Each structure stands twice: as C-alpha cells, then as structure tokens.
C-alpha atoms as a PDB file:
ATOM      1  CA  MET A   1       8.181  27.947  21.750  1.00  0.00           C
ATOM      2  CA  ASN A   2      11.189  30.172  21.193  1.00  0.00           C
ATOM      3  CA  GLY A   3      13.411  28.625  18.537  1.00  0.00           C
ATOM      4  CA  PRO A   4      14.403  29.017  14.867  1.00  0.00           C
ATOM      5  CA  GLU A   5      11.798  30.323  12.434  1.00  0.00           C
ATOM      6  CA  ILE A   6      11.613  28.286   9.216  1.00  0.00           C
ATOM      7  CA  HIS A   7       9.526  28.277   6.052  1.00  0.00           C
ATOM      8  CA  VAL A   8       8.065  24.968   4.831  1.00  0.00           C
ATOM      9  CA  GLU A   9       6.528  24.367   1.404  1.00  0.00           C
ATOM     10  CA  PHE A  10       4.661  21.131   0.591  1.00  0.00           C
ATOM     11  CA  ALA A  11       4.406  19.727  -2.930  1.00  0.00           C
ATOM     12  CA  PRO A  12       0.883  19.758  -4.466  1.00  0.00           C
ATOM     13  CA  GLU A  13       0.743  15.941  -4.251  1.00  0.00           C
ATOM     14  CA  LEU A  14       0.698  16.293  -0.444  1.00  0.00           C
ATOM     15  CA  ALA A  15      -2.199  18.768  -0.359  1.00  0.00           C
ATOM     16  CA  LEU A  16      -4.520  16.140   1.162  1.00  0.00           C
ATOM     17  CA  PHE A  17      -2.524  16.350   4.387  1.00  0.00           C
ATOM     18  CA  VAL A  18      -2.121  20.148   4.491  1.00  0.00           C
ATOM     19  CA  PRO A  19      -5.178  21.419   2.565  1.00  0.00           C
ATOM     20  CA  ARG A  20      -5.353  24.888   4.085  1.00  0.00           C
ATOM     21  CA  ALA A  21      -1.712  25.869   4.188  1.00  0.00           C
ATOM     22  CA  PRO A  22       0.762  24.208   1.776  1.00  0.00           C
ATOM     23  CA  HIS A  23       3.169  27.028   2.709  1.00  0.00           C
ATOM     24  CA  ARG A  24       3.977  27.433   6.392  1.00  0.00           C
ATOM     25  CA  THR A  25       6.185  29.766   8.370  1.00  0.00           C
ATOM     26  CA  LEU A  26       6.670  28.414  11.858  1.00  0.00           C
ATOM     27  CA  VAL A  27       8.882  28.541  14.890  1.00  0.00           C
ATOM     28  CA  THR A  28      10.471  25.240  15.928  1.00  0.00           C
ATOM     29  CA  ASP A  29      11.932  24.196  19.253  1.00  0.00           C
ATOM     30  CA  GLY A  30      15.491  24.024  17.910  1.00  0.00           C
ATOM     31  CA  VAL A  31      15.981  20.342  18.779  1.00  0.00           C
ATOM     32  CA  SER A  32      13.290  18.380  16.907  1.00  0.00           C
ATOM     33  CA  SER A  33      14.233  16.726  13.624  1.00  0.00           C
ATOM     34  CA  LEU A  34      12.772  17.879  10.332  1.00  0.00           C
ATOM     35  CA  GLY A  35      11.007  14.543  10.040  1.00  0.00           C
ATOM     36  CA  HIS A  36       9.259  15.185  13.346  1.00  0.00           C
ATOM     37  CA  VAL A  37       8.296  18.688  12.235  1.00  0.00           C
ATOM     38  CA  VAL A  38       6.814  17.422   8.967  1.00  0.00           C
ATOM     39  CA  GLU A  39       4.804  14.720  10.717  1.00  0.00           C
ATOM     40  CA  SER A  40       3.579  17.199  13.328  1.00  0.00           C
ATOM     41  CA  LEU A  41       2.130  19.214  10.437  1.00  0.00           C
ATOM     42  CA  GLY A  42       0.120  16.179   9.328  1.00  0.00           C
ATOM     43  CA  VAL A  43       2.207  14.441   6.661  1.00  0.00           C
ATOM     44  CA  PRO A  44       3.330  10.841   7.384  1.00  0.00           C
ATOM     45  CA  LEU A  45       6.958  10.289   6.407  1.00  0.00           C
ATOM     46  CA  THR A  46       5.829   7.319   4.311  1.00  0.00           C
ATOM     47  CA  GLU A  47       4.516   9.923   1.850  1.00  0.00           C
ATOM     48  CA  VAL A  48       7.669  12.050   1.795  1.00  0.00           C
ATOM     49  CA  GLY A  49      10.294  11.557  -0.882  1.00  0.00           C
ATOM     50  CA  THR A  50      13.031  14.170  -0.669  1.00  0.00           C
ATOM     51  CA  LEU A  51      13.408  16.901   1.927  1.00  0.00           C
ATOM     52  CA  VAL A  52      15.170  19.887   0.381  1.00  0.00           C
ATOM     53  CA  VAL A  53      16.670  22.596   2.599  1.00  0.00           C
ATOM     54  CA  ASN A  54      17.968  25.733   0.867  1.00  0.00           C
ATOM     55  CA  GLY A  55      18.369  23.745  -2.345  1.00  0.00           C
ATOM     56  CA  ARG A  56      20.073  20.628  -0.964  1.00  0.00           C
ATOM     57  CA  ALA A  57      18.612  17.278   0.046  1.00  0.00           C
ATOM     58  CA  VAL A  58      18.759  16.399   3.744  1.00  0.00           C
ATOM     59  CA  PRO A  59      17.702  13.342   5.778  1.00  0.00           C
ATOM     60  CA  PRO A  60      14.644  13.414   8.074  1.00  0.00           C
ATOM     61  CA  SER A  61      17.068  13.572  11.024  1.00  0.00           C
ATOM     62  CA  HIS A  62      18.177  17.082   9.994  1.00  0.00           C
ATOM     63  CA  VAL A  63      17.484  19.673  12.697  1.00  0.00           C
ATOM     64  CA  PRO A  64      16.170  22.891  11.108  1.00  0.00           C
ATOM     65  CA  ALA A  65      18.098  26.107  11.639  1.00  0.00           C
ATOM     66  CA  ALA A  66      16.830  29.681  11.529  1.00  0.00           C
ATOM     67  CA  ALA A  67      15.604  31.042   8.199  1.00  0.00           C
ATOM     68  CA  GLU A  68      15.868  27.729   6.386  1.00  0.00           C
ATOM     69  CA  ARG A  69      13.531  27.276   3.428  1.00  0.00           C
ATOM     70  CA  ILE A  70      12.298  23.710   3.223  1.00  0.00           C
ATOM     71  CA  VAL A  71      10.545  21.952   0.359  1.00  0.00           C
ATOM     72  CA  VAL A  72       8.779  18.657   1.096  1.00  0.00           C
ATOM     73  CA  ARG A  73       8.526  16.500  -2.029  1.00  0.00           C
ATOM     74  CA  PRO A  74       6.381  13.378  -2.515  1.00  0.00           C
ATOM     75  CA  VAL A  75       7.777   9.882  -3.059  1.00  0.00           C
ATOM     76  CA  GLU A  76       9.024   9.166  -6.562  1.00  0.00           C
ATOM     77  CA  ARG A  77       7.060   6.668  -8.624  1.00  0.00           C
ATOM     78  CA  PRO A  78       7.566   3.842  -9.055  1.00  0.00           C
ATOM     79  CA  GLN A  79       8.732   3.607  -5.462  1.00  0.00           C
ATOM     80  CA  ARG A  80      11.360   0.970  -4.777  1.00  0.00           C
ATOM     81  CA  VAL A  81      11.446  -0.805  -1.416  1.00  0.00           C
ATOM     82  CA  PRO A  82      14.977  -2.166  -0.916  1.00  0.00           C
ATOM     83  CA  GLY A  83      16.009  -5.249   0.972  1.00  0.00           C
ATOM     84  CA  ALA A  84      13.071  -7.632   0.513  1.00  0.00           C
ATOM     85  CA  PRO A  85      10.709  -9.000  -2.138  1.00  0.00           C
ATOM     86  CA  LEU A  86       7.822  -6.569  -2.586  1.00  0.00           C
ATOM     87  CA  ARG A  87       4.806  -7.714  -0.601  1.00  0.00           C
ATOM     88  CA  PHE A  88       2.041  -5.979   1.277  1.00  0.00           C
ATOM     89  CA  LEU A  89       0.072  -5.961   4.512  1.00  0.00           C
ATOM     90  CA  LEU A  90      -3.375  -4.333   4.562  1.00  0.00           C
ATOM     91  CA  ASP A  91      -5.466  -3.333   7.552  1.00  0.00           C
ATOM     92  CA  VAL A  92      -9.062  -4.304   8.268  1.00  0.00           C
ATOM     93  CA  HIS A  93     -10.560  -1.506   6.163  1.00  0.00           C
ATOM     94  CA  LEU A  94      -8.991  -2.572   2.858  1.00  0.00           C
ATOM     95  CA  GLY A  95     -10.488  -5.999   2.225  1.00  0.00           C
ATOM     96  CA  THR A  96     -11.559  -5.350  -1.358  1.00  0.00           C
ATOM     97  CA  LEU A  97      -8.136  -3.979  -2.264  1.00  0.00           C
ATOM     98  CA  ALA A  98      -6.509  -7.033  -0.679  1.00  0.00           C
ATOM     99  CA  ARG A  99      -8.629  -9.426  -2.740  1.00  0.00           C
ATOM    100  CA  ARG A 100      -7.863  -7.546  -5.959  1.00  0.00           C
ATOM    101  CA  LEU A 101      -4.128  -7.520  -5.327  1.00  0.00           C
ATOM    102  CA  ARG A 102      -4.265 -11.271  -4.664  1.00  0.00           C
ATOM    103  CA  LEU A 103      -6.284 -11.737  -7.846  1.00  0.00           C
ATOM    104  CA  LEU A 104      -3.344 -10.157  -9.668  1.00  0.00           C
ATOM    105  CA  GLY A 105      -0.898 -12.517  -7.984  1.00  0.00           C
ATOM    106  CA  VAL A 106       0.591  -9.934  -5.617  1.00  0.00           C
ATOM    107  CA  ASP A 107       1.666 -11.302  -2.224  1.00  0.00           C
ATOM    108  CA  THR A 108      -0.842  -9.559   0.063  1.00  0.00           C
ATOM    109  CA  ALA A 109      -1.476 -10.276   3.737  1.00  0.00           C
ATOM    110  CA  TYR A 110      -4.689  -8.883   5.205  1.00  0.00           C
ATOM    111  CA  GLU A 111      -6.030  -8.617   8.736  1.00  0.00           C
ATOM    112  CA  SER A 112      -9.803  -9.152   8.644  1.00  0.00           C
ATOM    113  CA  THR A 113     -10.159  -8.048  12.266  1.00  0.00           C
ATOM    114  CA  ASP A 114      -8.825  -4.979  14.038  1.00  0.00           C
ATOM    115  CA  ILE A 115      -5.732  -6.291  15.825  1.00  0.00           C
ATOM    116  CA  GLY A 116      -4.473  -2.797  16.700  1.00  0.00           C
ATOM    117  CA  ASP A 117      -1.714  -0.577  15.366  1.00  0.00           C
ATOM    118  CA  PRO A 118       1.152  -2.054  17.432  1.00  0.00           C
ATOM    119  CA  ALA A 119       0.425  -5.585  16.193  1.00  0.00           C
ATOM    120  CA  LEU A 120       0.114  -4.441  12.572  1.00  0.00           C
ATOM    121  CA  ALA A 121       3.388  -2.534  12.756  1.00  0.00           C
ATOM    122  CA  ALA A 122       5.105  -5.520  14.351  1.00  0.00           C
ATOM    123  CA  ARG A 123       3.857  -7.841  11.597  1.00  0.00           C
ATOM    124  CA  SER A 124       5.018  -5.399   8.921  1.00  0.00           C
ATOM    125  CA  ALA A 125       8.490  -5.445  10.448  1.00  0.00           C
ATOM    126  CA  ALA A 126       8.639  -9.196  11.106  1.00  0.00           C
ATOM    127  CA  GLU A 127       7.504 -10.168   7.591  1.00  0.00           C
ATOM    128  CA  LYS A 128       9.084  -7.200   5.771  1.00  0.00           C
ATOM    129  CA  ARG A 129       5.770  -6.128   4.255  1.00  0.00           C
ATOM    130  CA  VAL A 130       4.737  -2.674   3.065  1.00  0.00           C
ATOM    131  CA  MET A 131       1.872  -1.514   5.286  1.00  0.00           C
ATOM    132  CA  LEU A 132      -1.024  -0.068   3.264  1.00  0.00           C
ATOM    133  CA  SER A 133      -3.529   1.950   5.288  1.00  0.00           C
ATOM    134  CA  ARG A 134      -5.595   5.120   5.492  1.00  0.00           C
ATOM    135  CA  ASP A 135      -4.678   5.400   9.184  1.00  0.00           C
ATOM    136  CA  ARG A 136      -2.097   8.163   9.466  1.00  0.00           C
ATOM    137  CA  GLY A 137      -1.302   7.285  13.056  1.00  0.00           C
ATOM    138  CA  LEU A 138      -0.428   3.725  12.056  1.00  0.00           C
ATOM    139  CA  LEU A 139       1.832   4.971   9.265  1.00  0.00           C
ATOM    140  CA  ARG A 140       3.756   7.124  11.760  1.00  0.00           C
ATOM    141  CA  ARG A 141       4.815   4.119  13.830  1.00  0.00           C
ATOM    142  CA  ARG A 142       8.564   3.686  13.739  1.00  0.00           C
ATOM    143  CA  GLU A 143       8.410  -0.134  13.850  1.00  0.00           C
ATOM    144  CA  LEU A 144       6.980  -0.338  10.332  1.00  0.00           C
ATOM    145  CA  TRP A 145       9.139  -2.023   7.712  1.00  0.00           C
ATOM    146  CA  ALA A 146       7.672   0.388   5.158  1.00  0.00           C
ATOM    147  CA  GLY A 147       4.279   1.960   4.581  1.00  0.00           C
ATOM    148  CA  ALA A 148       2.061   3.876   2.215  1.00  0.00           C
ATOM    149  CA  PHE A 149      -1.114   5.888   2.600  1.00  0.00           C
ATOM    150  CA  VAL A 150      -4.069   4.726   0.497  1.00  0.00           C
ATOM    151  CA  TYR A 151      -5.441   7.983  -0.862  1.00  0.00           C
ATOM    152  CA  SER A 152      -8.878   6.954  -2.148  1.00  0.00           C
ATOM    153  CA  THR A 153     -11.884   5.226  -0.595  1.00  0.00           C
ATOM    154  CA  ARG A 154     -12.851   3.669  -3.964  1.00  0.00           C
ATOM    155  CA  PRO A 155     -11.364   0.194  -4.614  1.00  0.00           C
ATOM    156  CA  ASP A 156     -10.768   0.887  -8.331  1.00  0.00           C
ATOM    157  CA  ASP A 157      -8.779   4.022  -7.523  1.00  0.00           C
ATOM    158  CA  GLN A 158      -6.989   2.326  -4.640  1.00  0.00           C
ATOM    159  CA  LEU A 159      -5.768  -0.472  -6.887  1.00  0.00           C
ATOM    160  CA  HIS A 160      -4.674   1.947  -9.599  1.00  0.00           C
ATOM    161  CA  ASP A 161      -2.731   4.013  -7.056  1.00  0.00           C
ATOM    162  CA  VAL A 162      -0.915   1.015  -5.527  1.00  0.00           C
ATOM    163  CA  LEU A 163       0.013  -0.380  -8.944  1.00  0.00           C
ATOM    164  CA  ASP A 164       1.212   3.038 -10.109  1.00  0.00           C
ATOM    165  CA  ARG A 165       3.215   3.687  -6.939  1.00  0.00           C
ATOM    166  CA  PHE A 166       4.933   0.311  -6.493  1.00  0.00           C
ATOM    167  CA  ALA A 167       4.733  -1.366  -9.940  1.00  0.00           C
ATOM    168  CA  PRO A 168       4.569  -4.888  -8.447  1.00  0.00           C
ATOM    169  CA  GLU A 169       5.036  -7.929 -10.660  1.00  0.00           C
ATOM    170  CA  LEU A 170       1.619  -9.186 -11.754  1.00  0.00           C
ATOM    171  CA  ARG A 171       0.859 -12.903 -12.024  1.00  0.00           C
ATOM    172  CA  PRO A 172      -2.947 -13.064 -12.297  1.00  0.00           C
ATOM    173  CA  TRP A 173      -4.894 -16.118 -11.187  1.00  0.00           C
ATOM    174  CA  THR A 174      -2.031 -17.578  -9.141  1.00  0.00           C
ATOM    175  CA  ARG A 175      -3.129 -16.686  -5.579  1.00  0.00           C
ATOM    176  CA  CYS A 176      -6.121 -17.470  -3.404  1.00  0.00           C
ATOM    177  CA  THR A 177      -8.182 -14.313  -2.939  1.00  0.00           C
ATOM    178  CA  ALA A 178      -9.356 -15.654   0.435  1.00  0.00           C
ATOM    179  CA  CYS A 179      -6.052 -16.461   2.142  1.00  0.00           C
ATOM    180  CA  ASN A 180      -3.191 -15.407  -0.196  1.00  0.00           C
ATOM    181  CA  GLY A 181      -2.004 -19.002  -0.709  1.00  0.00           C
ATOM    182  CA  LEU A 182      -0.718 -20.191  -4.074  1.00  0.00           C
ATOM    183  CA  LEU A 183      -3.073 -21.969  -6.472  1.00  0.00           C
ATOM    184  CA  LYS A 184      -2.509 -25.239  -8.289  1.00  0.00           C
ATOM    185  CA  GLU A 185      -4.460 -27.003 -11.002  1.00  0.00           C
ATOM    186  CA  ALA A 186      -7.015 -29.445  -9.637  1.00  0.00           C
ATOM    187  CA  THR A 187      -9.271 -32.127 -11.028  1.00  0.00           C
ATOM    188  CA  LYS A 188     -13.032 -32.121 -10.550  1.00  0.00           C
ATOM    189  CA  GLU A 189     -12.672 -35.134  -8.282  1.00  0.00           C
ATOM    190  CA  GLU A 190     -10.203 -33.322  -6.003  1.00  0.00           C
ATOM    191  CA  VAL A 191     -12.651 -30.471  -5.345  1.00  0.00           C
ATOM    192  CA  ALA A 192     -15.916 -32.382  -5.680  1.00  0.00           C
ATOM    193  CA  ASP A 193     -16.916 -31.783  -2.062  1.00  0.00           C
ATOM    194  CA  GLN A 194     -17.047 -28.006  -2.761  1.00  0.00           C
ATOM    195  CA  LEU A 195     -19.172 -28.224  -5.910  1.00  0.00           C
ATOM    196  CA  LYS A 196     -22.936 -28.010  -6.253  1.00  0.00           C
ATOM    197  CA  GLY A 197     -24.838 -29.923  -8.913  1.00  0.00           C
ATOM    198  CA  GLY A 198     -24.890 -27.123 -11.489  1.00  0.00           C
ATOM    199  CA  THR A 199     -21.184 -26.479 -11.133  1.00  0.00           C
ATOM    200  CA  GLN A 200     -20.453 -30.204 -11.383  1.00  0.00           C
ATOM    201  CA  ARG A 201     -22.237 -30.341 -14.731  1.00  0.00           C
ATOM    202  CA  SER A 202     -21.076 -27.014 -16.206  1.00  0.00           C
ATOM    203  CA  TYR A 203     -17.344 -26.764 -15.425  1.00  0.00           C
ATOM    204  CA  ASP A 204     -14.324 -28.979 -15.975  1.00  0.00           C
ATOM    205  CA  VAL A 205     -11.350 -26.685 -15.240  1.00  0.00           C
ATOM    206  CA  PHE A 206     -10.503 -26.013 -11.606  1.00  0.00           C
ATOM    207  CA  ALA A 207      -7.775 -24.661  -9.369  1.00  0.00           C
ATOM    208  CA  GLN A 208      -7.268 -25.175  -5.651  1.00  0.00           C
ATOM    209  CA  CYS A 209      -5.448 -23.245  -2.968  1.00  0.00           C
ATOM    210  CA  THR A 210      -2.451 -25.118  -1.629  1.00  0.00           C
ATOM    211  CA  ALA A 211      -2.913 -23.436   1.773  1.00  0.00           C
ATOM    212  CA  CYS A 212      -6.631 -23.433   2.599  1.00  0.00           C
ATOM    213  CA  GLY A 213      -7.969 -25.875  -0.006  1.00  0.00           C
ATOM    214  CA  ARG A 214     -10.527 -23.506  -1.521  1.00  0.00           C
ATOM    215  CA  ALA A 215     -11.607 -24.418  -5.052  1.00  0.00           C
ATOM    216  CA  TYR A 216     -11.791 -21.971  -7.976  1.00  0.00           C
ATOM    217  CA  TRP A 217     -13.471 -22.101 -11.383  1.00  0.00           C
ATOM    218  CA  LYS A 218     -14.753 -19.645 -13.991  1.00  0.00           C
ATOM    219  CA  GLY A 219     -18.105 -18.984 -12.357  1.00  0.00           C
ATOM    220  CA  ALA A 220     -20.750 -16.274 -12.626  1.00  0.00           C
ATOM    221  CA  HIS A 221     -18.450 -13.447 -11.514  1.00  0.00           C
ATOM    222  CA  HIS A 222     -15.520 -14.367 -13.742  1.00  0.00           C
ATOM    223  CA  ASP A 223     -16.182 -11.615 -16.294  1.00  0.00           C
ATOM    224  CA  GLN A 224     -16.006  -8.957 -13.573  1.00  0.00           C
ATOM    225  CA  LEU A 225     -12.743 -10.371 -12.285  1.00  0.00           C
ATOM    226  CA  GLU A 226     -11.359 -10.652 -15.806  1.00  0.00           C
ATOM    227  CA  ALA A 227     -12.108  -6.950 -16.315  1.00  0.00           C
ATOM    228  CA  VAL A 228     -10.095  -6.055 -13.187  1.00  0.00           C
ATOM    229  CA  VAL A 229      -7.171  -8.125 -14.463  1.00  0.00           C
ATOM    230  CA  GLU A 230      -7.315  -6.663 -17.969  1.00  0.00           C
ATOM    231  CA  ARG A 231      -7.356  -3.078 -16.668  1.00  0.00           C
ATOM    232  CA  ALA A 232      -4.350  -3.780 -14.459  1.00  0.00           C
ATOM    233  CA  LEU A 233      -2.395  -5.419 -17.288  1.00  0.00           C
ATOM    234  CA  SER A 234      -3.220  -2.647 -19.736  1.00  0.00           C
ATOM    235  CA  MET A 235      -2.101  -0.068 -17.182  1.00  0.00           C
ATOM    236  CA  ARG A 236       1.225  -1.895 -16.880  1.00  0.00           C
ATOM    237  CA  THR A 237       1.579  -1.943 -20.675  1.00  0.00           C
ATOM    238  CA  ARG A 238       0.976   1.799 -20.916  1.00  0.00           C
ATOM    239  CA  SER A 239       3.412   2.630 -18.111  1.00  0.00           C
ATOM    240  CA  GLY A 240       6.041   0.314 -19.574  1.00  0.00           C
END
C-alpha cells in the first residue's frame, strides 16, 4: 500500500478492540473512508461517537489525507437513537439479558436460535430495533438500523451497561419474559389450566401475557426478580 500516512488514537473506552496499540501510525490506500479504516483496525462503528481529525469532527465518510491526526472517541452516554421508539433485538447468545430487559418492561425481541447475521440485520432494519450483540462482524453489517456491542459476558454487567448506555424507559412487570408480549391482570379462573395444586391454594394475584397466554404470579423466584428490578430502578434514580 502506497498512500497517505496517518496517525490514529483510540479513546481508552475502546481499548477492548485495540488492546495492544491504542495509538497507530499507518499508511492508507488514499481512497478508503475513515470509517472503513477504523473498522479494519477492529472497532465497529456502532461503538464510535465522534471522529476528530486535526481538531475538527468529521463523518465516517471522510477520506484521510497525509499527516492527519485522528482521534476516535466512544459514543456519548446516554446514547440517543433518533427516528423510532427505543427497542432492542438480541442474538441467540444473550437470552438472560433479553429476559431481564423484558422484566423491566423494555421492548426486547430475541432470537433463540441462530438465524444468521443477514437475517438478524434485516430484522433490525425492518423493525427499527437496536441490535445488541458480542459479534463484531454482525455489528459491521450496513443493513443494521442501529447496534451496540455488549461488553461483558456477565448478565448483571450486561444489563447495567445497556441501561447506562441507552437509558430506556423502565416499566417493570409489564412484559412477558418469554415472548415480549404485554401483560394484563388475570383471574385465577382464567389461568387455572396452568396452575398446580400448591399454586392454586397459595396465590390469588395473577397476570397473563396477551400474546402467548403464559400466566405469571409471585412464585419462588420472585425475590430474585424483585432484586433485579430494584437495582435497575435505583441505578436510574442515581443517574437522574
């Protein structure tokens, strides 16, 4: 390659993607966009906020010139996604995160099987959903409506990161954790076919999914779920 030599500096928040060399001097081909250059170095554009060239912000389409000094900044938080209500699409590897977001009332679609990157990107675009994934290749697909890398493998940290980054409206206990449908109040008679004898005798307050019909009540795991909700709400209070 025999083109302009540029210097690229990545913000510390992007160190996961460029752990060995946050500062790079490289020779480009003279025709590729800065966005392409950044992605070729390992950073999905979903994780890039502002690109600064010699002190001024430029779009990803900017073609680097010789001796330019480039700073790659992370997305600002909270990140706003214009043009559609905030809702998410998660890939097959993020089932626990999907259930927790639904528990908090966040509109969250989830693919429980591996349908492939093209299909996920197409669904993100068709439904205007933010694609959440740890698959960098998926996040580089141009068809995506919007996307974000999930930095941790731990569900608690994943949820904290998504809430911190996007600040979605929280409406706990309003969505089905199984299918994302909305819940409604239900009588014991309406959900009787889903109840075992002990539940029949011990509980009187129920909800039911308007989409799949699944019944909900304050069962054995309710305290654990309540703790997830309380942590999320307290985090929102602190950030607000």
